[in-house]
Amino acid sequence: MALIECKFYSDVLGLSTSMTVILPQQTTTQIGMSNVTKGELHPTLYLLHGLSDDDSIWLRRTSIERYVAQMGIAVVMPQVHRSFYTDMAEGGRYWTFISEELPALARSFFPLSPKREDTFVAGLSMGGYGAVKLGLRKPDTFAAAASLSGALDMAHHFMNPEDPARKSPEYERVFGKQSIENTPDDLLYLLKEVDRSKGPKPLLYQCCGTEDFLYENNQTFRKACAKTSLSLTYEEGPGEHEWGYWDTKIRDVLAWLPLEK
């Protein structure tokens, strides 16, 4: 595998940013690794970080490079700070960046397949929200989207349970003062919109530990998805909001990806 720490300028964000990229490399003499490629243009997994992390975190906390070595897929891990993969009310246009500019730039820099059937997205926590939002808002681009312990009911996640009208300062910096319920930033709304559409529908994967503070948040999304025609693979079991769980479950996500044989 080739590992690339890529620094580049984003016109959408108006600043220099970064992504960490793993590219397949066919090798025959590397000790302890068996690497393969699938062709000149690689199937691609966009792998998204959580709230307190950056584009290096999946590489630092898991063995993602080793896990994908025999799969022949590229992994693109972008940096989005605490944006919730959203065009922020007070901040950068991170939704436009992640959904439009980043894939185009990554494909211009690296030999990545532009085909929908070769393009997937996954993420943890905040990144789980971002991954499912990409899958549901860009179903023509992403064939599959996976959430690991995702914040999947963002319309209510930051609400004060004693006073739902009061939202946290973090919510208002990202989404503004108005509720995002029934808007394109609300995954429950997007489920219904995609279900009604005649266009392609992404495959969805969702997992969450039963001891995770986002477990009930995940149950809300799972039940909403069950009322649609979308295909959801759901897994739960013992686990908290921590890297031991995500290191295990990302392997399940990789095995689930609908890669062409």
Protein backbone atom coordinates (compact mmCIF):
# COMPACT_ATOMS: atom_id res chain seq x y z
CA MET A 1 0.00 0.00 0.00
CA ALA A 2 1.04 3.59 -0.56
CA LEU A 3 0.34 6.09 2.23
CA ILE A 4 0.05 9.75 1.21
CA GLU A 5 -0.34 12.74 3.52
CA CYS A 6 -1.78 15.28 1.12
CA LYS A 7 -1.81 19.03 1.81
CA PHE A 8 -3.86 21.07 -0.63
CA TYR A 9 -5.83 24.29 -1.01
CA SER A 10 -9.63 24.31 -0.95
CA ASP A 11 -11.35 27.05 -2.92
CA VAL A 12 -14.64 26.21 -1.17
CA LEU A 13 -13.16 26.62 2.33
CA GLY A 14 -10.75 29.40 1.36
CA LEU A 15 -7.88 27.74 3.20
CA SER A 16 -5.24 25.02 3.04
CA THR A 17 -6.36 21.68 4.41
CA SER A 18 -5.38 18.01 4.30
CA MET A 19 -6.41 14.46 3.59
CA THR A 20 -4.70 11.17 4.32
CA VAL A 21 -4.92 8.65 1.48
CA ILE A 22 -4.19 4.93 1.21
CA LEU A 23 -3.66 3.65 -2.34
CA PRO A 24 -3.44 0.01 -3.45
CA GLN A 25 -0.05 -1.23 -4.60
CA GLN A 26 0.61 -4.63 -6.14
CA THR A 27 3.55 -6.22 -4.31
CA THR A 28 5.12 -9.69 -4.26
CA THR A 29 8.07 -9.47 -1.86
CA GLN A 30 6.73 -7.45 1.09
CA ILE A 31 7.08 -9.47 4.26
CA GLY A 32 3.89 -9.91 6.27
CA MET A 33 1.62 -8.18 3.73
CA SER A 34 -0.23 -9.36 0.65
CA ASN A 35 -1.25 -6.38 -1.46
CA VAL A 36 -3.43 -6.37 -4.56
CA THR A 37 -4.90 -3.91 -7.04
CA LYS A 38 -8.14 -4.20 -9.03
CA GLY A 39 -7.16 -2.15 -12.07
CA GLU A 40 -5.95 1.26 -13.11
CA LEU A 41 -8.73 3.17 -11.33
CA HIS A 42 -9.32 2.12 -7.73
CA PRO A 43 -12.64 1.60 -5.92
CA THR A 44 -12.71 4.17 -3.12
CA LEU A 45 -13.88 4.36 0.47
CA TYR A 46 -14.22 7.86 1.89
CA LEU A 47 -13.60 7.34 5.61
CA LEU A 48 -14.77 10.15 7.89
CA HIS A 49 -13.52 11.17 11.33
CA GLY A 50 -15.40 12.12 14.49
CA LEU A 51 -15.85 15.37 16.38
CA SER A 52 -12.52 15.54 18.23
CA ASP A 53 -10.36 14.01 15.48
CA ASP A 54 -8.67 14.76 12.16
CA ASP A 55 -7.73 13.04 8.91
CA SER A 56 -4.96 10.98 10.56
CA ILE A 57 -7.08 9.36 13.27
CA TRP A 58 -8.22 6.19 11.49
CA LEU A 59 -4.61 5.42 10.64
CA ARG A 60 -3.45 6.08 14.21
CA ARG A 61 -6.20 4.22 16.09
CA THR A 62 -6.87 1.23 13.78
CA SER A 63 -5.03 -1.00 11.31
CA ILE A 64 -7.08 0.28 8.37
CA GLU A 65 -4.08 0.15 6.01
CA ARG A 66 -3.56 -3.54 6.75
CA TYR A 67 -7.28 -4.32 6.59
CA VAL A 68 -7.69 -2.98 3.05
CA ALA A 69 -4.41 -4.33 1.63
CA GLN A 70 -5.98 -7.44 0.11
CA MET A 71 -9.11 -5.63 -1.07
CA GLY A 72 -7.58 -3.45 -3.75
CA ILE A 73 -9.44 -0.31 -2.64
CA ALA A 74 -8.27 3.22 -1.94
CA VAL A 75 -9.19 4.99 1.30
CA VAL A 76 -9.57 8.79 1.38
CA MET A 77 -9.68 10.35 4.86
CA PRO A 78 -10.43 14.11 4.79
CA GLN A 79 -10.12 16.79 7.46
CA VAL A 80 -13.31 18.69 8.39
CA HIS A 81 -12.70 19.87 11.99
CA ARG A 82 -15.92 20.13 14.10
CA SER A 83 -18.16 20.96 11.15
CA PHE A 84 -20.58 18.01 11.18
CA TYR A 85 -19.96 17.83 7.44
CA THR A 86 -22.23 20.84 7.06
CA ASP A 87 -22.15 24.28 5.46
CA MET A 88 -21.79 25.92 8.85
CA ALA A 89 -23.78 28.90 10.08
CA GLU A 90 -20.55 30.23 11.61
CA GLY A 91 -17.71 28.62 9.73
CA GLY A 92 -16.73 26.93 6.50
CA ARG A 93 -18.83 25.37 3.75
CA TYR A 94 -17.86 21.84 4.72
CA TRP A 95 -20.85 20.12 3.11
CA THR A 96 -20.00 21.65 -0.25
CA PHE A 97 -16.36 20.75 0.34
CA ILE A 98 -16.97 17.10 1.25
CA SER A 99 -19.74 16.39 -1.27
CA GLU A 100 -18.44 18.24 -4.33
CA GLU A 101 -14.91 19.63 -4.13
CA LEU A 102 -13.12 16.84 -2.28
CA PRO A 103 -14.14 13.94 -4.57
CA ALA A 104 -13.25 15.97 -7.65
CA LEU A 105 -9.87 16.96 -6.24
CA ALA A 106 -9.07 13.47 -5.00
CA ARG A 107 -9.84 12.02 -8.44
CA SER A 108 -7.66 14.65 -10.09
CA PHE A 109 -4.73 13.84 -7.77
CA PHE A 110 -5.04 10.04 -7.61
CA PRO A 111 -6.25 7.16 -9.86
CA LEU A 112 -9.69 6.76 -8.27
CA SER A 113 -12.71 5.31 -10.04
CA PRO A 114 -15.54 7.81 -10.67
CA LYS A 115 -18.14 5.03 -10.97
CA ARG A 116 -20.99 4.97 -8.46
CA GLU A 117 -20.59 1.21 -7.98
CA ASP A 118 -16.97 1.82 -6.91
CA THR A 119 -17.63 4.67 -4.47
CA PHE A 120 -18.47 4.21 -0.78
CA VAL A 121 -18.45 6.25 2.43
CA ALA A 122 -18.20 5.36 6.13
CA GLY A 123 -17.56 7.22 9.35
CA LEU A 124 -17.76 7.14 13.13
CA SER A 125 -19.82 9.34 15.48
CA MET A 126 -19.95 12.77 13.77
CA GLY A 127 -18.50 10.99 10.73
CA GLY A 128 -21.34 8.46 10.84
CA TYR A 129 -23.75 11.34 10.45
CA GLY A 130 -21.65 12.72 7.60
CA ALA A 131 -21.42 9.35 5.86
CA VAL A 132 -25.16 8.68 5.93
CA LYS A 133 -25.88 12.25 4.85
CA LEU A 134 -23.57 11.78 1.87
CA GLY A 135 -25.23 8.48 0.99
CA LEU A 136 -28.75 9.91 1.20
CA ARG A 137 -28.10 13.31 -0.40
CA LYS A 138 -25.73 11.99 -3.08
CA PRO A 139 -27.20 8.59 -4.01
CA ASP A 140 -26.01 9.08 -7.60
CA THR A 141 -22.42 9.19 -6.28
CA PHE A 142 -22.31 6.70 -3.39
CA ALA A 143 -23.41 3.08 -3.71
CA ALA A 144 -23.12 2.42 0.02
CA ALA A 145 -22.86 4.36 3.29
CA ALA A 146 -21.92 3.04 6.73
CA SER A 147 -22.27 4.55 10.20
CA LEU A 148 -20.32 3.36 13.24
CA SER A 149 -21.83 4.77 16.45
CA GLY A 150 -23.16 7.67 14.42
CA ALA A 151 -24.99 10.77 15.63
CA LEU A 152 -27.91 9.96 13.36
CA ASP A 153 -30.71 12.07 14.87
CA MET A 154 -29.03 15.46 14.78
CA ALA A 155 -32.34 17.31 14.71
CA HIS A 156 -32.69 16.46 18.41
CA HIS A 157 -29.18 15.50 19.56
CA PHE A 158 -28.12 18.92 20.86
CA MET A 159 -31.48 19.82 22.41
CA ASN A 160 -31.88 20.54 26.12
CA PRO A 161 -34.30 17.79 27.27
CA GLU A 162 -35.83 20.15 29.84
CA ASP A 163 -36.28 22.92 27.29
CA PRO A 164 -36.15 21.72 23.65
CA ALA A 165 -36.18 25.33 22.46
CA ARG A 166 -32.69 25.74 23.93
CA LYS A 167 -29.92 24.45 21.70
CA SER A 168 -26.25 24.14 22.58
CA PRO A 169 -23.77 26.76 21.33
CA GLU A 170 -22.14 24.01 19.24
CA TYR A 171 -25.44 23.36 17.45
CA GLU A 172 -25.92 27.04 16.69
CA ARG A 173 -22.37 27.44 15.35
CA VAL A 174 -22.95 24.55 12.96
CA PHE A 175 -26.64 24.68 12.06
CA GLY A 176 -27.79 28.12 13.16
CA LYS A 177 -30.59 29.08 15.51
CA GLN A 178 -33.39 27.30 13.64
CA SER A 179 -34.24 23.62 13.96
CA ILE A 180 -32.92 21.38 11.18
CA GLU A 181 -35.92 19.05 11.48
CA ASN A 182 -37.37 18.31 8.02
CA THR A 183 -34.41 19.89 6.23
CA PRO A 184 -31.61 18.29 4.17
CA ASP A 185 -29.45 18.20 7.34
CA ASP A 186 -32.00 15.89 9.04
CA LEU A 187 -31.27 12.23 8.23
CA LEU A 188 -34.81 11.14 9.18
CA TYR A 189 -36.19 13.60 6.62
CA LEU A 190 -33.69 12.38 4.02
CA LEU A 191 -34.75 8.77 4.53
CA LYS A 192 -38.30 9.68 3.50
CA GLU A 193 -37.13 11.81 0.57
CA VAL A 194 -34.90 9.05 -0.85
CA ASP A 195 -37.61 6.46 -0.27
CA ARG A 196 -40.05 8.54 -2.34
CA SER A 197 -37.58 9.18 -5.13
CA LYS A 198 -37.32 7.09 -8.28
CA GLY A 199 -33.53 7.39 -8.36
CA PRO A 200 -30.88 5.04 -7.00
CA LYS A 201 -30.87 4.20 -3.31
CA PRO A 202 -27.67 3.55 -1.39
CA LEU A 203 -27.12 0.44 0.68
CA LEU A 204 -26.91 1.41 4.36
CA TYR A 205 -24.99 -0.14 7.25
CA GLN A 206 -25.42 0.87 10.89
CA CYS A 207 -23.82 -0.39 14.10
CA CYS A 208 -23.72 0.90 17.65
CA GLY A 209 -22.66 -0.51 21.01
CA THR A 210 -25.44 -1.07 23.52
CA GLU A 211 -23.50 0.91 26.16
CA ASP A 212 -22.85 3.83 23.79
CA PHE A 213 -24.36 7.20 24.78
CA LEU A 214 -25.66 7.41 21.18
CA TYR A 215 -27.49 4.07 21.37
CA GLU A 216 -30.99 5.59 21.65
CA ASN A 217 -30.09 8.06 18.91
CA ASN A 218 -29.28 5.05 16.72
CA GLN A 219 -32.53 3.31 17.61
CA THR A 220 -34.47 6.33 16.38
CA PHE A 221 -32.75 6.13 12.99
CA ARG A 222 -33.09 2.34 12.72
CA LYS A 223 -36.84 2.49 13.38
CA ALA A 224 -37.29 5.32 10.87
CA CYS A 225 -35.34 3.39 8.23
CA ALA A 226 -37.47 0.29 8.84
CA LYS A 227 -40.50 2.28 7.62
CA THR A 228 -38.86 2.78 4.21
CA SER A 229 -37.81 0.52 1.35
CA LEU A 230 -34.11 1.24 1.86
CA SER A 231 -31.81 -1.69 2.57
CA LEU A 232 -30.25 -1.37 6.04
CA THR A 233 -27.80 -3.84 7.58
CA TYR A 234 -28.02 -3.24 11.33
CA GLU A 235 -25.71 -4.67 13.99
CA GLU A 236 -25.51 -4.08 17.71
CA GLY A 237 -23.82 -5.69 20.68
CA PRO A 238 -21.78 -4.82 23.77
CA GLY A 239 -19.66 -1.73 23.22
CA GLU A 240 -19.01 1.87 24.16
CA HIS A 241 -18.03 4.99 22.22
CA GLU A 242 -14.36 4.03 21.85
CA TRP A 243 -11.70 2.87 19.41
CA GLY A 244 -11.59 -0.79 20.43
CA TYR A 245 -15.17 -1.08 19.20
CA TRP A 246 -14.54 0.89 15.99
CA ASP A 247 -11.37 -1.04 15.16
CA THR A 248 -13.44 -4.24 15.28
CA LYS A 249 -16.48 -2.91 13.43
CA ILE A 250 -14.62 -1.25 10.55
CA ARG A 251 -13.59 -4.76 9.51
CA ASP A 252 -17.28 -5.71 9.38
CA VAL A 253 -17.95 -2.63 7.26
CA LEU A 254 -15.18 -3.58 4.82
CA ALA A 255 -16.57 -7.11 4.51
CA TRP A 256 -20.05 -5.65 3.87
CA LEU A 257 -19.01 -3.27 1.06
CA PRO A 258 -20.59 -4.31 -2.29
CA LEU A 259 -17.32 -4.58 -4.15
CA GLU A 260 -17.40 -6.04 -7.65
CA LYS A 261 -15.59 -9.38 -7.72
